[in-house]
Amino acid sequence: MDHKQKKSESTIEGLPKPSQSDVTSRTAGPVSVPKLLTTDEVAEMTALSPETLAQWRWLKKEIPFVRLGKKCVRYRQSDIDAWLEKRLVSVTSGGNPERR
């Protein structure tokens, strides 16, 4: 086996290449791609202004976001759902405790 052939059988780090069955087993299932929302879509969903969302991004607070490019920002649906869930106020049927 010459040097070129040996190099093609291993990765750059010197580890053996995975077999085809290894690759197939890791990529066999459906790949889950998160739903990405625009700033306008999130503003509409949450009744927040796009300016508020931009300010929160600048301050790096409230809702996590994904920066896909210099001027391209998206939000994951799962992060919006989690943010809304944290703000859920549960109610009881036993009157209003704030009026005491």
PDB file of N, CA and C in Angstrom:
ATOM      1  N   MET A   1       0.849  -1.174   0.000  1.00  0.00           N
ATOM      2  CA  MET A   1       0.000   0.000   0.000  1.00  0.00           C
ATOM      3  C   MET A   1       0.892   1.233   0.000  1.00  0.00           C
ATOM      4  N   ASP A   2       0.698   2.127  -0.952  1.00  0.00           N
ATOM      5  CA  ASP A   2       1.532   3.316  -0.999  1.00  0.00           C
ATOM      6  C   ASP A   2       0.950   4.423  -0.112  1.00  0.00           C
ATOM      7  N   HIS A   3       1.702   5.515   0.019  1.00  0.00           N
ATOM      8  CA  HIS A   3       1.336   6.615   0.916  1.00  0.00           C
ATOM      9  C   HIS A   3      -0.007   7.254   0.542  1.00  0.00           C
ATOM     10  N   LYS A   4      -0.259   7.454  -0.759  1.00  0.00           N
ATOM     11  CA  LYS A   4      -1.519   8.065  -1.200  1.00  0.00           C
ATOM     12  C   LYS A   4      -2.712   7.200  -0.842  1.00  0.00           C
ATOM     13  N   GLN A   5      -2.601   5.922  -1.050  1.00  0.00           N
ATOM     14  CA  GLN A   5      -3.698   5.015  -0.750  1.00  0.00           C
ATOM     15  C   GLN A   5      -3.976   4.983   0.750  1.00  0.00           C
ATOM     16  N   LYS A   6      -2.940   4.957   1.571  1.00  0.00           N
ATOM     17  CA  LYS A   6      -3.109   4.926   3.015  1.00  0.00           C
ATOM     18  C   LYS A   6      -3.804   6.193   3.503  1.00  0.00           C
ATOM     19  N   LYS A   7      -3.449   7.353   2.943  1.00  0.00           N
ATOM     20  CA  LYS A   7      -4.048   8.613   3.356  1.00  0.00           C
ATOM     21  C   LYS A   7      -5.544   8.639   3.040  1.00  0.00           C
ATOM     22  N   SER A   8      -5.970   8.041   1.904  1.00  0.00           N
ATOM     23  CA  SER A   8      -7.379   8.052   1.537  1.00  0.00           C
ATOM     24  C   SER A   8      -8.225   7.177   2.448  1.00  0.00           C
ATOM     25  N   GLU A   9      -7.614   6.265   3.177  1.00  0.00           N
ATOM     26  CA  GLU A   9      -8.350   5.379   4.064  1.00  0.00           C
ATOM     27  C   GLU A   9      -8.525   5.949   5.465  1.00  0.00           C
ATOM     28  N   SER A  10      -8.008   7.100   5.738  1.00  0.00           N
ATOM     29  CA  SER A  10      -8.158   7.681   7.061  1.00  0.00           C
ATOM     30  C   SER A  10      -8.514   9.157   6.942  1.00  0.00           C
ATOM     31  N   THR A  11      -9.010   9.706   8.024  1.00  0.00           N
ATOM     32  CA  THR A  11      -9.354  11.114   8.023  1.00  0.00           C
ATOM     33  C   THR A  11      -8.109  11.940   8.271  1.00  0.00           C
ATOM     34  N   ILE A  12      -8.239  13.224   8.243  1.00  0.00           N
ATOM     35  CA  ILE A  12      -7.110  14.129   8.448  1.00  0.00           C
ATOM     36  C   ILE A  12      -6.474  13.915   9.813  1.00  0.00           C
ATOM     37  N   GLU A  13      -7.300  13.639  10.830  1.00  0.00           N
ATOM     38  CA  GLU A  13      -6.764  13.457  12.179  1.00  0.00           C
ATOM     39  C   GLU A  13      -6.067  12.118  12.351  1.00  0.00           C
ATOM     40  N   GLY A  14      -6.098  11.268  11.310  1.00  0.00           N
ATOM     41  CA  GLY A  14      -5.463   9.967  11.416  1.00  0.00           C
ATOM     42  C   GLY A  14      -6.401   8.893  11.934  1.00  0.00           C
ATOM     43  N   LEU A  15      -7.662   9.214  12.132  1.00  0.00           N
ATOM     44  CA  LEU A  15      -8.625   8.227  12.589  1.00  0.00           C
ATOM     45  C   LEU A  15      -9.203   7.490  11.387  1.00  0.00           C
ATOM     46  N   PRO A  16      -9.605   6.252  11.568  1.00  0.00           N
ATOM     47  CA  PRO A  16     -10.166   5.515  10.438  1.00  0.00           C
ATOM     48  C   PRO A  16     -11.468   6.155   9.952  1.00  0.00           C
ATOM     49  N   LYS A  17     -11.685   6.083   8.623  1.00  0.00           N
ATOM     50  CA  LYS A  17     -12.928   6.584   8.052  1.00  0.00           C
ATOM     51  C   LYS A  17     -14.069   5.707   8.532  1.00  0.00           C
ATOM     52  N   PRO A  18     -15.258   6.290   8.798  1.00  0.00           N
ATOM     53  CA  PRO A  18     -16.393   5.451   9.179  1.00  0.00           C
ATOM     54  C   PRO A  18     -16.817   4.586   8.001  1.00  0.00           C
ATOM     55  N   SER A  19     -17.310   3.408   8.308  1.00  0.00           N
ATOM     56  CA  SER A  19     -17.786   2.535   7.239  1.00  0.00           C
ATOM     57  C   SER A  19     -19.091   3.090   6.680  1.00  0.00           C
ATOM     58  N   GLN A  20     -19.499   2.605   5.517  1.00  0.00           N
ATOM     59  CA  GLN A  20     -20.743   3.067   4.906  1.00  0.00           C
ATOM     60  C   GLN A  20     -21.933   2.775   5.816  1.00  0.00           C
ATOM     61  N   SER A  21     -21.911   1.638   6.530  1.00  0.00           N
ATOM     62  CA  SER A  21     -23.018   1.312   7.426  1.00  0.00           C
ATOM     63  C   SER A  21     -23.082   2.289   8.597  1.00  0.00           C
ATOM     64  N   ASP A  22     -21.932   2.767   9.083  1.00  0.00           N
ATOM     65  CA  ASP A  22     -21.914   3.773  10.149  1.00  0.00           C
ATOM     66  C   ASP A  22     -22.572   5.063   9.672  1.00  0.00           C
ATOM     67  N   VAL A  23     -22.205   5.497   8.470  1.00  0.00           N
ATOM     68  CA  VAL A  23     -22.748   6.732   7.921  1.00  0.00           C
ATOM     69  C   VAL A  23     -24.240   6.592   7.700  1.00  0.00           C
ATOM     70  N   THR A  24     -24.669   5.471   7.140  1.00  0.00           N
ATOM     71  CA  THR A  24     -26.082   5.251   6.865  1.00  0.00           C
ATOM     72  C   THR A  24     -26.897   5.228   8.148  1.00  0.00           C
ATOM     73  N   SER A  25     -26.404   4.597   9.201  1.00  0.00           N
ATOM     74  CA  SER A  25     -27.174   4.502  10.434  1.00  0.00           C
ATOM     75  C   SER A  25     -27.330   5.861  11.111  1.00  0.00           C
ATOM     76  N   ARG A  26     -26.370   6.766  10.934  1.00  0.00           N
ATOM     77  CA  ARG A  26     -26.471   8.087  11.545  1.00  0.00           C
ATOM     78  C   ARG A  26     -27.364   9.035  10.758  1.00  0.00           C
ATOM     79  N   THR A  27     -27.528   8.793   9.480  1.00  0.00           N
ATOM     80  CA  THR A  27     -28.288   9.718   8.651  1.00  0.00           C
ATOM     81  C   THR A  27     -29.602   9.111   8.185  1.00  0.00           C
ATOM     82  N   ALA A  28     -29.987   7.964   8.723  1.00  0.00           N
ATOM     83  CA  ALA A  28     -31.143   7.246   8.207  1.00  0.00           C
ATOM     84  C   ALA A  28     -32.476   7.905   8.551  1.00  0.00           C
ATOM     85  N   GLY A  29     -32.622   8.563   9.655  1.00  0.00           N
ATOM     86  CA  GLY A  29     -33.916   9.108  10.049  1.00  0.00           C
ATOM     87  C   GLY A  29     -34.193  10.465   9.453  1.00  0.00           C
ATOM     88  N   PRO A  30     -35.434  10.925   9.617  1.00  0.00           N
ATOM     89  CA  PRO A  30     -35.749  12.272   9.129  1.00  0.00           C
ATOM     90  C   PRO A  30     -35.003  13.323   9.950  1.00  0.00           C
ATOM     91  N   VAL A  31     -34.539  14.341   9.290  1.00  0.00           N
ATOM     92  CA  VAL A  31     -33.796  15.407   9.956  1.00  0.00           C
ATOM     93  C   VAL A  31     -34.785  16.483  10.367  1.00  0.00           C
ATOM     94  N   SER A  32     -34.742  16.882  11.612  1.00  0.00           N
ATOM     95  CA  SER A  32     -35.653  17.901  12.126  1.00  0.00           C
ATOM     96  C   SER A  32     -35.027  19.280  11.948  1.00  0.00           C
ATOM     97  N   VAL A  33     -35.651  20.099  11.136  1.00  0.00           N
ATOM     98  CA  VAL A  33     -35.183  21.459  10.911  1.00  0.00           C
ATOM     99  C   VAL A  33     -36.124  22.388  11.660  1.00  0.00           C
ATOM    100  N   PRO A  34     -35.589  23.239  12.541  1.00  0.00           N
ATOM    101  CA  PRO A  34     -36.486  24.104  13.309  1.00  0.00           C
ATOM    102  C   PRO A  34     -37.191  25.118  12.418  1.00  0.00           C
ATOM    103  N   LYS A  35     -38.424  25.439  12.782  1.00  0.00           N
ATOM    104  CA  LYS A  35     -39.185  26.464  12.075  1.00  0.00           C
ATOM    105  C   LYS A  35     -38.581  27.809  12.425  1.00  0.00           C
ATOM    106  N   LEU A  36     -38.163  28.562  11.412  1.00  0.00           N
ATOM    107  CA  LEU A  36     -37.551  29.871  11.625  1.00  0.00           C
ATOM    108  C   LEU A  36     -38.537  30.956  11.224  1.00  0.00           C
ATOM    109  N   LEU A  37     -38.718  31.928  12.109  1.00  0.00           N
ATOM    110  CA  LEU A  37     -39.675  33.003  11.907  1.00  0.00           C
ATOM    111  C   LEU A  37     -38.964  34.331  11.715  1.00  0.00           C
ATOM    112  N   THR A  38     -39.549  35.194  10.907  1.00  0.00           N
ATOM    113  CA  THR A  38     -38.997  36.534  10.717  1.00  0.00           C
ATOM    114  C   THR A  38     -39.391  37.419  11.898  1.00  0.00           C
ATOM    115  N   THR A  39     -38.751  38.574  11.972  1.00  0.00           N
ATOM    116  CA  THR A  39     -39.088  39.539  13.018  1.00  0.00           C
ATOM    117  C   THR A  39     -40.549  39.962  12.903  1.00  0.00           C
ATOM    118  N   ASP A  40     -41.017  40.190  11.691  1.00  0.00           N
ATOM    119  CA  ASP A  40     -42.416  40.596  11.507  1.00  0.00           C
ATOM    120  C   ASP A  40     -43.388  39.506  11.944  1.00  0.00           C
ATOM    121  N   GLU A  41     -43.059  38.252  11.681  1.00  0.00           N
ATOM    122  CA  GLU A  41     -43.922  37.152  12.114  1.00  0.00           C
ATOM    123  C   GLU A  41     -43.982  37.070  13.639  1.00  0.00           C
ATOM    124  N   VAL A  42     -42.835  37.232  14.291  1.00  0.00           N
ATOM    125  CA  VAL A  42     -42.799  37.186  15.760  1.00  0.00           C
ATOM    126  C   VAL A  42     -43.546  38.390  16.338  1.00  0.00           C
ATOM    127  N   ALA A  43     -43.372  39.544  15.728  1.00  0.00           N
ATOM    128  CA  ALA A  43     -44.084  40.740  16.188  1.00  0.00           C
ATOM    129  C   ALA A  43     -45.588  40.521  16.105  1.00  0.00           C
ATOM    130  N   GLU A  44     -46.047  39.940  15.025  1.00  0.00           N
ATOM    131  CA  GLU A  44     -47.479  39.679  14.872  1.00  0.00           C
ATOM    132  C   GLU A  44     -47.980  38.655  15.887  1.00  0.00           C
ATOM    133  N   MET A  45     -47.193  37.605  16.124  1.00  0.00           N
ATOM    134  CA  MET A  45     -47.582  36.550  17.069  1.00  0.00           C
ATOM    135  C   MET A  45     -47.662  37.059  18.498  1.00  0.00           C
ATOM    136  N   THR A  46     -46.758  37.956  18.866  1.00  0.00           N
ATOM    137  CA  THR A  46     -46.621  38.380  20.260  1.00  0.00           C
ATOM    138  C   THR A  46     -47.228  39.746  20.557  1.00  0.00           C
ATOM    139  N   ALA A  47     -47.684  40.448  19.516  1.00  0.00           N
ATOM    140  CA  ALA A  47     -48.200  41.822  19.654  1.00  0.00           C
ATOM    141  C   ALA A  47     -47.114  42.779  20.147  1.00  0.00           C
ATOM    142  N   LEU A  48     -45.866  42.446  19.866  1.00  0.00           N
ATOM    143  CA  LEU A  48     -44.738  43.342  20.138  1.00  0.00           C
ATOM    144  C   LEU A  48     -44.369  44.030  18.829  1.00  0.00           C
ATOM    145  N   SER A  49     -43.771  45.182  18.919  1.00  0.00           N
ATOM    146  CA  SER A  49     -43.357  45.866  17.694  1.00  0.00           C
ATOM    147  C   SER A  49     -42.018  45.294  17.207  1.00  0.00           C
ATOM    148  N   PRO A  50     -41.768  45.369  15.899  1.00  0.00           N
ATOM    149  CA  PRO A  50     -40.457  44.958  15.391  1.00  0.00           C
ATOM    150  C   PRO A  50     -39.330  45.767  16.027  1.00  0.00           C
ATOM    151  N   GLU A  51     -39.604  47.013  16.375  1.00  0.00           N
ATOM    152  CA  GLU A  51     -38.589  47.855  17.027  1.00  0.00           C
ATOM    153  C   GLU A  51     -38.239  47.324  18.409  1.00  0.00           C
ATOM    154  N   THR A  52     -39.242  46.860  19.146  1.00  0.00           N
ATOM    155  CA  THR A  52     -38.990  46.269  20.469  1.00  0.00           C
ATOM    156  C   THR A  52     -38.126  45.023  20.324  1.00  0.00           C
ATOM    157  N   LEU A  53     -38.450  44.180  19.357  1.00  0.00           N
ATOM    158  CA  LEU A  53     -37.653  42.973  19.134  1.00  0.00           C
ATOM    159  C   LEU A  53     -36.220  43.327  18.744  1.00  0.00           C
ATOM    160  N   ALA A  54     -36.059  44.366  17.922  1.00  0.00           N
ATOM    161  CA  ALA A  54     -34.706  44.802  17.537  1.00  0.00           C
ATOM    162  C   ALA A  54     -33.935  45.305  18.754  1.00  0.00           C
ATOM    163  N   GLN A  55     -34.609  46.036  19.615  1.00  0.00           N
ATOM    164  CA  GLN A  55     -33.949  46.541  20.822  1.00  0.00           C
ATOM    165  C   GLN A  55     -33.547  45.383  21.732  1.00  0.00           C
ATOM    166  N   TRP A  56     -34.417  44.400  21.891  1.00  0.00           N
ATOM    167  CA  TRP A  56     -34.096  43.236  22.697  1.00  0.00           C
ATOM    168  C   TRP A  56     -32.902  42.484  22.108  1.00  0.00           C
ATOM    169  N   ARG A  57     -32.835  42.385  20.777  1.00  0.00           N
ATOM    170  CA  ARG A  57     -31.683  41.720  20.164  1.00  0.00           C
ATOM    171  C   ARG A  57     -30.409  42.479  20.492  1.00  0.00           C
ATOM    172  N   TRP A  58     -30.452  43.809  20.388  1.00  0.00           N
ATOM    173  CA  TRP A  58     -29.279  44.637  20.661  1.00  0.00           C
ATOM    174  C   TRP A  58     -28.840  44.478  22.117  1.00  0.00           C
ATOM    175  N   LEU A  59     -29.827  44.395  23.017  1.00  0.00           N
ATOM    176  CA  LEU A  59     -29.532  44.219  24.448  1.00  0.00           C
ATOM    177  C   LEU A  59     -29.253  42.754  24.810  1.00  0.00           C
ATOM    178  N   LYS A  60     -29.491  41.858  23.858  1.00  0.00           N
ATOM    179  CA  LYS A  60     -29.345  40.410  24.079  1.00  0.00           C
ATOM    180  C   LYS A  60     -30.185  39.960  25.280  1.00  0.00           C
ATOM    181  N   LYS A  61     -31.474  40.313  25.224  1.00  0.00           N
ATOM    182  CA  LYS A  61     -32.374  39.907  26.310  1.00  0.00           C
ATOM    183  C   LYS A  61     -33.670  39.357  25.744  1.00  0.00           C
ATOM    184  N   GLU A  62     -34.406  38.712  26.568  1.00  0.00           N
ATOM    185  CA  GLU A  62     -35.728  38.160  26.298  1.00  0.00           C
ATOM    186  C   GLU A  62     -35.716  36.950  25.367  1.00  0.00           C
ATOM    187  N   ILE A  63     -35.920  37.120  24.083  1.00  0.00           N
ATOM    188  CA  ILE A  63     -36.107  35.992  23.168  1.00  0.00           C
ATOM    189  C   ILE A  63     -34.803  35.701  22.411  1.00  0.00           C
ATOM    190  N   PRO A  64     -34.303  34.459  22.505  1.00  0.00           N
ATOM    191  CA  PRO A  64     -33.112  34.104  21.731  1.00  0.00           C
ATOM    192  C   PRO A  64     -33.397  34.230  20.233  1.00  0.00           C
ATOM    193  N   PHE A  65     -32.373  34.512  19.453  1.00  0.00           N
ATOM    194  CA  PHE A  65     -32.533  34.654  18.011  1.00  0.00           C
ATOM    195  C   PHE A  65     -31.356  34.012  17.290  1.00  0.00           C
ATOM    196  N   VAL A  66     -31.536  33.819  15.993  1.00  0.00           N
ATOM    197  CA  VAL A  66     -30.508  33.221  15.146  1.00  0.00           C
ATOM    198  C   VAL A  66     -30.074  34.276  14.139  1.00  0.00           C
ATOM    199  N   ARG A  67     -28.788  34.556  14.084  1.00  0.00           N
ATOM    200  CA  ARG A  67     -28.278  35.510  13.102  1.00  0.00           C
ATOM    201  C   ARG A  67     -27.722  34.702  11.931  1.00  0.00           C
ATOM    202  N   LEU A  68     -28.421  34.762  10.803  1.00  0.00           N
ATOM    203  CA  LEU A  68     -28.012  34.020   9.617  1.00  0.00           C
ATOM    204  C   LEU A  68     -27.073  34.824   8.723  1.00  0.00           C
ATOM    205  N   GLY A  69     -27.033  36.112   8.925  1.00  0.00           N
ATOM    206  CA  GLY A  69     -26.181  36.990   8.145  1.00  0.00           C
ATOM    207  C   GLY A  69     -26.137  38.341   8.812  1.00  0.00           C
ATOM    208  N   LYS A  70     -25.432  39.281   8.207  1.00  0.00           N
ATOM    209  CA  LYS A  70     -25.272  40.597   8.814  1.00  0.00           C
ATOM    210  C   LYS A  70     -26.616  41.278   9.080  1.00  0.00           C
ATOM    211  N   LYS A  71     -27.557  41.128   8.143  1.00  0.00           N
ATOM    212  CA  LYS A  71     -28.870  41.752   8.302  1.00  0.00           C
ATOM    213  C   LYS A  71     -30.012  40.744   8.291  1.00  0.00           C
ATOM    214  N   CYS A  72     -29.711  39.485   8.490  1.00  0.00           N
ATOM    215  CA  CYS A  72     -30.729  38.437   8.439  1.00  0.00           C
ATOM    216  C   CYS A  72     -30.859  37.773   9.808  1.00  0.00           C
ATOM    217  N   VAL A  73     -31.983  38.039  10.474  1.00  0.00           N
ATOM    218  CA  VAL A  73     -32.243  37.502  11.804  1.00  0.00           C
ATOM    219  C   VAL A  73     -33.511  36.668  11.744  1.00  0.00           C
ATOM    220  N   ARG A  74     -33.486  35.538  12.417  1.00  0.00           N
ATOM    221  CA  ARG A  74     -34.670  34.690  12.512  1.00  0.00           C
ATOM    222  C   ARG A  74     -34.822  34.224  13.954  1.00  0.00           C
ATOM    223  N   TYR A  75     -36.035  33.794  14.275  1.00  0.00           N
ATOM    224  CA  TYR A  75     -36.348  33.261  15.595  1.00  0.00           C
ATOM    225  C   TYR A  75     -36.838  31.832  15.424  1.00  0.00           C
ATOM    226  N   ARG A  76     -36.419  30.950  16.316  1.00  0.00           N
ATOM    227  CA  ARG A  76     -36.917  29.572  16.279  1.00  0.00           C
ATOM    228  C   ARG A  76     -38.288  29.530  16.936  1.00  0.00           C
ATOM    229  N   GLN A  77     -39.193  28.803  16.322  1.00  0.00           N
ATOM    230  CA  GLN A  77     -40.540  28.650  16.873  1.00  0.00           C
ATOM    231  C   GLN A  77     -40.467  28.102  18.296  1.00  0.00           C
ATOM    232  N   SER A  78     -39.566  27.167  18.546  1.00  0.00           N
ATOM    233  CA  SER A  78     -39.448  26.572  19.884  1.00  0.00           C
ATOM    234  C   SER A  78     -39.049  27.610  20.934  1.00  0.00           C
ATOM    235  N   ASP A  79     -38.210  28.591  20.561  1.00  0.00           N
ATOM    236  CA  ASP A  79     -37.818  29.642  21.508  1.00  0.00           C
ATOM    237  C   ASP A  79     -38.990  30.581  21.800  1.00  0.00           C
ATOM    238  N   ILE A  80     -39.809  30.864  20.786  1.00  0.00           N
ATOM    239  CA  ILE A  80     -41.000  31.696  20.998  1.00  0.00           C
ATOM    240  C   ILE A  80     -41.966  30.966  21.921  1.00  0.00           C
ATOM    241  N   ASP A  81     -42.179  29.681  21.668  1.00  0.00           N
ATOM    242  CA  ASP A  81     -43.074  28.884  22.514  1.00  0.00           C
ATOM    243  C   ASP A  81     -42.589  28.861  23.964  1.00  0.00           C
ATOM    244  N   ALA A  82     -41.289  28.675  24.176  1.00  0.00           N
ATOM    245  CA  ALA A  82     -40.732  28.645  25.537  1.00  0.00           C
ATOM    246  C   ALA A  82     -40.871  30.008  26.203  1.00  0.00           C
ATOM    247  N   TRP A  83     -40.628  31.080  25.457  1.00  0.00           N
ATOM    248  CA  TRP A  83     -40.751  32.431  26.003  1.00  0.00           C
ATOM    249  C   TRP A  83     -42.190  32.704  26.428  1.00  0.00           C
ATOM    250  N   LEU A  84     -43.145  32.307  25.612  1.00  0.00           N
ATOM    251  CA  LEU A  84     -44.560  32.484  25.966  1.00  0.00           C
ATOM    252  C   LEU A  84     -44.942  31.629  27.172  1.00  0.00           C
ATOM    253  N   GLU A  85     -44.436  30.410  27.217  1.00  0.00           N
ATOM    254  CA  GLU A  85     -44.749  29.505  28.328  1.00  0.00           C
ATOM    255  C   GLU A  85     -44.269  30.071  29.663  1.00  0.00           C
ATOM    256  N   LYS A  86     -43.079  30.719  29.665  1.00  0.00           N
ATOM    257  CA  LYS A  86     -42.565  31.322  30.904  1.00  0.00           C
ATOM    258  C   LYS A  86     -43.438  32.470  31.384  1.00  0.00           C
ATOM    259  N   ARG A  87     -44.197  33.072  30.483  1.00  0.00           N
ATOM    260  CA  ARG A  87     -45.032  34.206  30.842  1.00  0.00           C
ATOM    261  C   ARG A  87     -46.478  33.832  31.137  1.00  0.00           C
ATOM    262  N   LEU A  88     -46.769  32.541  31.096  1.00  0.00           N
ATOM    263  CA  LEU A  88     -48.118  32.064  31.358  1.00  0.00           C
ATOM    264  C   LEU A  88     -48.475  32.287  32.826  1.00  0.00           C
ATOM    265  N   VAL A  89     -49.580  32.946  33.059  1.00  0.00           N
ATOM    266  CA  VAL A  89     -50.062  33.192  34.418  1.00  0.00           C
ATOM    267  C   VAL A  89     -51.224  32.245  34.666  1.00  0.00           C
ATOM    268  N   SER A  90     -51.065  31.368  35.645  1.00  0.00           N
ATOM    269  CA  SER A  90     -52.150  30.444  35.946  1.00  0.00           C
ATOM    270  C   SER A  90     -53.181  31.144  36.821  1.00  0.00           C
ATOM    271  N   VAL A  91     -54.407  30.745  36.672  1.00  0.00           N
ATOM    272  CA  VAL A  91     -55.504  31.345  37.444  1.00  0.00           C
ATOM    273  C   VAL A  91     -56.198  30.266  38.257  1.00  0.00           C
ATOM    274  N   THR A  92     -56.781  30.691  39.358  1.00  0.00           N
ATOM    275  CA  THR A  92     -57.555  29.781  40.185  1.00  0.00           C
ATOM    276  C   THR A  92     -58.993  30.263  40.222  1.00  0.00           C
ATOM    277  N   SER A  93     -59.896  29.418  40.613  1.00  0.00           N
ATOM    278  CA  SER A  93     -61.310  29.791  40.656  1.00  0.00           C
ATOM    279  C   SER A  93     -61.693  30.429  41.987  1.00  0.00           C
ATOM    280  N   GLY A  94     -60.756  30.608  42.880  1.00  0.00           N
ATOM    281  CA  GLY A  94     -61.047  31.089  44.223  1.00  0.00           C
ATOM    282  C   GLY A  94     -60.893  32.595  44.412  1.00  0.00           C
ATOM    283  N   GLY A  95     -61.379  33.420  43.540  1.00  0.00           N
ATOM    284  CA  GLY A  95     -61.312  34.864  43.736  1.00  0.00           C
ATOM    285  C   GLY A  95     -60.018  35.473  43.269  1.00  0.00           C
ATOM    286  N   ASN A  96     -59.882  36.768  43.525  1.00  0.00           N
ATOM    287  CA  ASN A  96     -58.714  37.514  43.078  1.00  0.00           C
ATOM    288  C   ASN A  96     -57.810  37.819  44.274  1.00  0.00           C
ATOM    289  N   PRO A  97     -56.678  37.133  44.411  1.00  0.00           N
ATOM    290  CA  PRO A  97     -55.794  37.349  45.571  1.00  0.00           C
ATOM    291  C   PRO A  97     -55.129  38.720  45.565  1.00  0.00           C
ATOM    292  N   GLU A  98     -55.108  39.427  44.442  1.00  0.00           N
ATOM    293  CA  GLU A  98     -54.475  40.743  44.393  1.00  0.00           C
ATOM    294  C   GLU A  98     -55.341  41.819  45.033  1.00  0.00           C
ATOM    295  N   ARG A  99     -56.588  41.562  45.289  1.00  0.00           N
ATOM    296  CA  ARG A  99     -57.495  42.598  45.806  1.00  0.00           C
ATOM    297  C   ARG A  99     -57.551  42.607  47.322  1.00  0.00           C
ATOM    298  N   ARG A 100     -56.728  41.936  48.041  1.00  0.00           N
ATOM    299  CA  ARG A 100     -56.770  41.889  49.505  1.00  0.00           C
ATOM    300  C   ARG A 100     -56.199  43.107  50.110  1.00  0.00           C
TER     301      ARG A 100
END
